[in-house]
N, C-alpha and C. Protein backbone atom coordinates (compact mmCIF):
# COMPACT_ATOMS: atom_id res chain seq x y z
N MET A 1 0.83 -1.18 0.00
CA MET A 1 0.00 0.00 0.00
C MET A 1 0.88 1.25 0.00
N ARG A 2 1.95 1.25 0.76
CA ARG A 2 2.84 2.42 0.80
C ARG A 2 3.44 2.71 -0.57
N GLY A 3 3.69 1.64 -1.32
CA GLY A 3 4.27 1.80 -2.65
C GLY A 3 3.37 2.57 -3.59
N ILE A 4 2.08 2.28 -3.53
CA ILE A 4 1.12 2.97 -4.40
C ILE A 4 1.01 4.43 -3.99
N ILE A 5 0.95 4.68 -2.71
CA ILE A 5 0.86 6.07 -2.23
C ILE A 5 2.12 6.84 -2.61
N ALA A 6 3.28 6.22 -2.44
CA ALA A 6 4.54 6.87 -2.82
C ALA A 6 4.58 7.14 -4.31
N TYR A 7 4.09 6.19 -5.11
CA TYR A 7 4.05 6.37 -6.56
C TYR A 7 3.17 7.58 -6.93
N ILE A 8 1.97 7.66 -6.36
CA ILE A 8 1.05 8.76 -6.65
C ILE A 8 1.68 10.10 -6.26
N ILE A 9 2.31 10.14 -5.11
CA ILE A 9 2.95 11.39 -4.66
C ILE A 9 4.09 11.77 -5.60
N CYS A 10 4.93 10.81 -5.97
CA CYS A 10 6.07 11.09 -6.85
C CYS A 10 5.63 11.55 -8.23
N ILE A 11 4.70 10.82 -8.84
CA ILE A 11 4.29 11.18 -10.20
C ILE A 11 3.54 12.51 -10.19
N SER A 12 2.78 12.77 -9.13
CA SER A 12 2.07 14.06 -9.04
C SER A 12 3.07 15.21 -8.90
N PHE A 13 4.11 14.99 -8.12
CA PHE A 13 5.14 16.02 -7.96
C PHE A 13 5.86 16.28 -9.28
N ILE A 14 6.16 15.21 -10.01
CA ILE A 14 6.83 15.35 -11.31
C ILE A 14 5.95 16.13 -12.28
N VAL A 15 4.66 15.79 -12.33
CA VAL A 15 3.75 16.50 -13.23
C VAL A 15 3.61 17.96 -12.82
N LEU A 16 3.56 18.22 -11.53
CA LEU A 16 3.50 19.60 -11.05
C LEU A 16 4.73 20.38 -11.53
N LEU A 17 5.91 19.79 -11.38
CA LEU A 17 7.13 20.45 -11.86
C LEU A 17 7.11 20.67 -13.37
N LEU A 18 6.60 19.69 -14.10
CA LEU A 18 6.50 19.83 -15.56
C LEU A 18 5.53 20.93 -15.95
N MET A 19 4.44 21.07 -15.23
CA MET A 19 3.49 22.15 -15.52
C MET A 19 4.14 23.51 -15.28
N ILE A 20 4.88 23.63 -14.19
CA ILE A 20 5.57 24.89 -13.90
C ILE A 20 6.62 25.17 -14.97
N TRP A 21 7.39 24.14 -15.34
CA TRP A 21 8.42 24.29 -16.37
C TRP A 21 7.78 24.71 -17.70
N ASP A 22 6.67 24.07 -18.06
CA ASP A 22 6.02 24.38 -19.33
C ASP A 22 5.49 25.82 -19.34
N LYS A 23 5.00 26.28 -18.21
CA LYS A 23 4.54 27.67 -18.11
C LYS A 23 5.70 28.64 -18.31
N ILE A 24 6.83 28.34 -17.69
CA ILE A 24 8.01 29.19 -17.86
C ILE A 24 8.45 29.20 -19.32
N GLN A 25 8.48 28.02 -19.94
CA GLN A 25 8.86 27.92 -21.34
C GLN A 25 7.88 28.69 -22.23
N ALA A 26 6.61 28.65 -21.92
CA ALA A 26 5.60 29.36 -22.71
C ALA A 26 5.82 30.87 -22.64
N LYS A 27 6.13 31.37 -21.46
CA LYS A 27 6.37 32.80 -21.32
C LYS A 27 7.60 33.26 -22.09
N GLN A 28 8.60 32.38 -22.16
CA GLN A 28 9.85 32.72 -22.85
C GLN A 28 9.83 32.33 -24.33
N LYS A 29 8.69 31.78 -24.77
CA LYS A 29 8.54 31.33 -26.17
C LYS A 29 9.62 30.34 -26.57
N LYS A 30 9.86 29.38 -25.70
CA LYS A 30 10.85 28.33 -25.95
C LYS A 30 10.10 27.01 -26.18
N PRO A 31 10.83 25.96 -26.59
CA PRO A 31 10.18 24.66 -26.82
C PRO A 31 9.41 24.19 -25.58
N ARG A 32 8.24 23.60 -25.85
CA ARG A 32 7.31 23.23 -24.78
C ARG A 32 7.17 21.73 -24.62
N ILE A 33 6.57 21.34 -23.53
CA ILE A 33 6.23 19.94 -23.29
C ILE A 33 4.90 19.68 -24.00
N PRO A 34 4.81 18.64 -24.81
CA PRO A 34 3.56 18.37 -25.52
C PRO A 34 2.38 18.13 -24.55
N GLU A 35 1.21 18.63 -24.94
CA GLU A 35 0.01 18.44 -24.12
C GLU A 35 -0.26 16.96 -23.89
N ALA A 36 -0.03 16.15 -24.91
CA ALA A 36 -0.27 14.72 -24.79
C ALA A 36 0.58 14.10 -23.69
N THR A 37 1.80 14.57 -23.54
CA THR A 37 2.69 14.07 -22.49
C THR A 37 2.14 14.42 -21.11
N LEU A 38 1.71 15.66 -20.95
CA LEU A 38 1.15 16.08 -19.66
C LEU A 38 -0.11 15.29 -19.32
N LEU A 39 -0.96 15.08 -20.31
CA LEU A 39 -2.19 14.32 -20.08
C LEU A 39 -1.91 12.85 -19.81
N LEU A 40 -0.94 12.29 -20.50
CA LEU A 40 -0.58 10.89 -20.29
C LEU A 40 -0.04 10.68 -18.87
N LEU A 41 0.83 11.57 -18.43
CA LEU A 41 1.37 11.46 -17.07
C LEU A 41 0.27 11.70 -16.02
N SER A 42 -0.67 12.56 -16.35
CA SER A 42 -1.80 12.77 -15.45
C SER A 42 -2.64 11.50 -15.34
N ALA A 43 -2.89 10.88 -16.48
CA ALA A 43 -3.67 9.63 -16.48
C ALA A 43 -2.93 8.50 -15.77
N ALA A 44 -1.60 8.57 -15.76
CA ALA A 44 -0.79 7.53 -15.13
C ALA A 44 -0.68 7.71 -13.62
N GLY A 45 -1.47 8.62 -13.06
CA GLY A 45 -1.48 8.79 -11.61
C GLY A 45 -1.12 10.19 -11.15
N GLY A 46 -0.75 11.06 -12.05
CA GLY A 46 -0.30 12.40 -11.67
C GLY A 46 -1.33 13.50 -11.83
N ALA A 47 -2.61 13.14 -11.87
CA ALA A 47 -3.66 14.13 -12.11
C ALA A 47 -3.69 15.20 -11.01
N ALA A 48 -3.46 14.80 -9.78
CA ALA A 48 -3.48 15.78 -8.68
C ALA A 48 -2.39 16.83 -8.88
N GLY A 49 -1.22 16.42 -9.28
CA GLY A 49 -0.13 17.36 -9.54
C GLY A 49 -0.44 18.29 -10.70
N CYS A 50 -1.06 17.75 -11.73
CA CYS A 50 -1.44 18.56 -12.88
C CYS A 50 -2.50 19.58 -12.47
N PHE A 51 -3.47 19.14 -11.68
CA PHE A 51 -4.53 20.03 -11.23
C PHE A 51 -3.97 21.15 -10.35
N ILE A 52 -3.09 20.81 -9.45
CA ILE A 52 -2.45 21.82 -8.60
C ILE A 52 -1.64 22.79 -9.46
N GLY A 53 -0.94 22.26 -10.46
CA GLY A 53 -0.18 23.11 -11.37
C GLY A 53 -1.08 24.07 -12.14
N MET A 54 -2.23 23.56 -12.56
CA MET A 54 -3.19 24.42 -13.26
C MET A 54 -3.62 25.59 -12.38
N LEU A 55 -3.88 25.30 -11.13
CA LEU A 55 -4.34 26.34 -10.21
C LEU A 55 -3.20 27.25 -9.75
N LEU A 56 -2.05 26.66 -9.49
CA LEU A 56 -0.93 27.40 -8.93
C LEU A 56 -0.33 28.41 -9.91
N VAL A 57 -0.09 27.98 -11.13
CA VAL A 57 0.55 28.87 -12.11
C VAL A 57 -0.40 29.28 -13.23
N ARG A 58 -1.68 28.95 -13.07
CA ARG A 58 -2.71 29.29 -14.06
C ARG A 58 -2.29 28.85 -15.46
N HIS A 59 -1.93 27.58 -15.56
CA HIS A 59 -1.44 27.04 -16.82
C HIS A 59 -2.45 26.04 -17.37
N LYS A 60 -2.75 26.15 -18.65
CA LYS A 60 -3.65 25.25 -19.37
C LYS A 60 -5.09 25.37 -18.87
N ILE A 61 -5.45 26.48 -18.25
CA ILE A 61 -6.80 26.61 -17.70
C ILE A 61 -7.84 26.98 -18.76
N ARG A 62 -7.40 27.38 -19.93
CA ARG A 62 -8.34 27.71 -21.00
C ARG A 62 -8.52 26.57 -21.99
N LYS A 63 -7.77 25.52 -21.81
CA LYS A 63 -7.82 24.38 -22.72
C LYS A 63 -8.86 23.38 -22.22
N PRO A 64 -9.94 23.16 -22.99
CA PRO A 64 -10.96 22.20 -22.54
C PRO A 64 -10.40 20.81 -22.26
N ARG A 65 -9.37 20.40 -23.03
CA ARG A 65 -8.77 19.08 -22.77
C ARG A 65 -8.23 19.01 -21.35
N PHE A 66 -7.88 20.12 -20.77
CA PHE A 66 -7.32 20.14 -19.42
C PHE A 66 -8.37 20.50 -18.38
N PHE A 67 -9.12 21.59 -18.57
CA PHE A 67 -10.01 22.02 -17.49
C PHE A 67 -11.21 21.11 -17.31
N ILE A 68 -11.44 20.20 -18.25
CA ILE A 68 -12.50 19.20 -18.07
C ILE A 68 -11.88 17.87 -17.63
N THR A 69 -10.87 17.43 -18.34
CA THR A 69 -10.29 16.10 -18.12
C THR A 69 -9.52 15.98 -16.81
N VAL A 70 -8.68 16.93 -16.50
CA VAL A 70 -7.80 16.81 -15.33
C VAL A 70 -8.59 16.77 -14.01
N PRO A 71 -9.58 17.65 -13.79
CA PRO A 71 -10.34 17.52 -12.53
C PRO A 71 -11.07 16.18 -12.41
N ILE A 72 -11.60 15.69 -13.53
CA ILE A 72 -12.29 14.38 -13.49
C ILE A 72 -11.29 13.28 -13.14
N MET A 73 -10.11 13.30 -13.79
CA MET A 73 -9.09 12.29 -13.48
C MET A 73 -8.65 12.39 -12.02
N THR A 74 -8.53 13.61 -11.51
CA THR A 74 -8.10 13.81 -10.12
C THR A 74 -9.11 13.19 -9.17
N ILE A 75 -10.38 13.47 -9.39
CA ILE A 75 -11.43 12.91 -8.53
C ILE A 75 -11.44 11.39 -8.60
N LEU A 76 -11.35 10.85 -9.81
CA LEU A 76 -11.34 9.39 -9.96
C LEU A 76 -10.12 8.75 -9.29
N GLN A 77 -8.95 9.33 -9.50
CA GLN A 77 -7.73 8.76 -8.90
C GLN A 77 -7.76 8.84 -7.39
N LEU A 78 -8.20 9.96 -6.84
CA LEU A 78 -8.29 10.08 -5.38
C LEU A 78 -9.34 9.14 -4.82
N GLY A 79 -10.46 9.01 -5.54
CA GLY A 79 -11.50 8.06 -5.10
C GLY A 79 -11.00 6.64 -5.09
N LEU A 80 -10.29 6.24 -6.14
CA LEU A 80 -9.74 4.89 -6.18
C LEU A 80 -8.69 4.68 -5.10
N LEU A 81 -7.90 5.70 -4.83
CA LEU A 81 -6.90 5.60 -3.77
C LEU A 81 -7.57 5.43 -2.41
N ILE A 82 -8.62 6.18 -2.16
CA ILE A 82 -9.35 6.06 -0.89
C ILE A 82 -9.96 4.67 -0.76
N LEU A 83 -10.58 4.17 -1.84
CA LEU A 83 -11.15 2.81 -1.81
C LEU A 83 -10.07 1.78 -1.54
N TYR A 84 -8.90 1.95 -2.14
CA TYR A 84 -7.80 1.02 -1.95
C TYR A 84 -7.28 1.05 -0.50
N ILE A 85 -7.21 2.24 0.06
CA ILE A 85 -6.73 2.37 1.44
C ILE A 85 -7.71 1.76 2.42
N LYS A 86 -9.00 1.97 2.19
CA LYS A 86 -10.03 1.44 3.10
C LYS A 86 -10.13 -0.08 3.03
N LYS A 87 -9.66 -0.67 1.96
CA LYS A 87 -9.76 -2.10 1.76
C LYS A 87 -8.95 -2.89 2.70
């Protein structure tokens, strides 16, 4: 059980850092992280980090692929984690 929780925390932290990095790159008009990569990592367990990144640095908040998908993934992942912990 600790392994799954550690995995979720690590991948969420990585996605959060990537969201911050992508925002910095966007402001400087430098090469960016593909949206598909951010969404894939979010689906792989990092949705909470992506959601926090969206709120923290106001990144990808106008993109429907993000402002609809990421909160839903976050709720589902946290719900599954809670069910797993209660088991």
